[in-house]
Amino acid sequence: MAKEKQLNKRMKETAKLVDKAKRYSLEEAIAVLKKVPHPKFDETVDL
């Protein structure tokens, strides 16, 4: 049996912002990251 992956509200909103087939430039990627809903804890991004 294949389980369907359950996405929470935050992940669904994030999925709408990202096109998996597209390669983003650094500037575009940062712009998308700034639009993503923030979690309730401190976060970092590793480059």
C-alpha atoms as a PDB file:
ATOM      1  CA  MET A   1       0.000   0.000   0.000  1.00  0.00           C
ATOM      2  CA  ALA A   2       1.329   3.397  -0.945  1.00  0.00           C
ATOM      3  CA  LYS A   3       0.817   6.051   1.671  1.00  0.00           C
ATOM      4  CA  GLU A   4       0.015   9.478   0.373  1.00  0.00           C
ATOM      5  CA  LYS A   5       2.400  12.054   1.784  1.00  0.00           C
ATOM      6  CA  GLN A   6       0.585  14.349   4.180  1.00  0.00           C
ATOM      7  CA  LEU A   7       1.588  18.009   3.938  1.00  0.00           C
ATOM      8  CA  ASN A   8       0.818  20.477   6.664  1.00  0.00           C
ATOM      9  CA  LYS A   9      -0.549  23.952   5.955  1.00  0.00           C
ATOM     10  CA  ARG A  10       2.900  25.575   5.932  1.00  0.00           C
ATOM     11  CA  MET A  11       4.343  23.019   3.507  1.00  0.00           C
ATOM     12  CA  LYS A  12       1.387  23.432   1.129  1.00  0.00           C
ATOM     13  CA  GLU A  13       1.928  27.193   1.056  1.00  0.00           C
ATOM     14  CA  THR A  14       5.643  26.704   0.415  1.00  0.00           C
ATOM     15  CA  ALA A  15       5.014  24.193  -2.386  1.00  0.00           C
ATOM     16  CA  LYS A  16       2.932  26.784  -4.232  1.00  0.00           C
ATOM     17  CA  LEU A  17       5.918  29.184  -4.306  1.00  0.00           C
ATOM     18  CA  VAL A  18       8.484  26.770  -5.764  1.00  0.00           C
ATOM     19  CA  ASP A  19       8.658  25.347  -9.294  1.00  0.00           C
ATOM     20  CA  LYS A  20      10.618  22.079  -9.021  1.00  0.00           C
ATOM     21  CA  ALA A  21      11.464  22.091 -12.741  1.00  0.00           C
ATOM     22  CA  LYS A  22      13.093  25.535 -12.574  1.00  0.00           C
ATOM     23  CA  ARG A  23      16.681  26.304 -11.596  1.00  0.00           C
ATOM     24  CA  TYR A  24      16.738  29.439  -9.493  1.00  0.00           C
ATOM     25  CA  SER A  25      19.536  31.991  -9.414  1.00  0.00           C
ATOM     26  CA  LEU A  26      20.832  32.975  -5.986  1.00  0.00           C
ATOM     27  CA  GLU A  27      18.849  36.221  -6.049  1.00  0.00           C
ATOM     28  CA  GLU A  28      15.631  34.434  -7.061  1.00  0.00           C
ATOM     29  CA  ALA A  29      16.127  31.750  -4.412  1.00  0.00           C
ATOM     30  CA  ILE A  30      16.604  34.343  -1.681  1.00  0.00           C
ATOM     31  CA  ALA A  31      13.458  36.176  -2.831  1.00  0.00           C
ATOM     32  CA  VAL A  32      11.470  32.921  -2.616  1.00  0.00           C
ATOM     33  CA  LEU A  33      12.906  32.140   0.843  1.00  0.00           C
ATOM     34  CA  LYS A  34      11.753  35.525   2.098  1.00  0.00           C
ATOM     35  CA  LYS A  35       8.176  34.729   0.979  1.00  0.00           C
ATOM     36  CA  VAL A  36       8.069  31.350   2.764  1.00  0.00           C
ATOM     37  CA  PRO A  37       6.099  31.346   6.040  1.00  0.00           C
ATOM     38  CA  HIS A  38       8.494  31.376   8.982  1.00  0.00           C
ATOM     39  CA  PRO A  39       8.479  28.675  11.667  1.00  0.00           C
ATOM     40  CA  LYS A  40       8.185  29.342  15.362  1.00  0.00           C
ATOM     41  CA  PHE A  41      11.920  28.784  15.973  1.00  0.00           C
ATOM     42  CA  ASP A  42      15.197  30.350  14.792  1.00  0.00           C
ATOM     43  CA  GLU A  43      16.275  28.988  11.424  1.00  0.00           C
ATOM     44  CA  THR A  44      19.366  29.146   9.218  1.00  0.00           C
ATOM     45  CA  VAL A  45      20.128  28.550   5.550  1.00  0.00           C
ATOM     46  CA  ASP A  46      23.369  26.792   4.565  1.00  0.00           C
ATOM     47  CA  LEU A  47      24.921  27.650   1.209  1.00  0.00           C
END
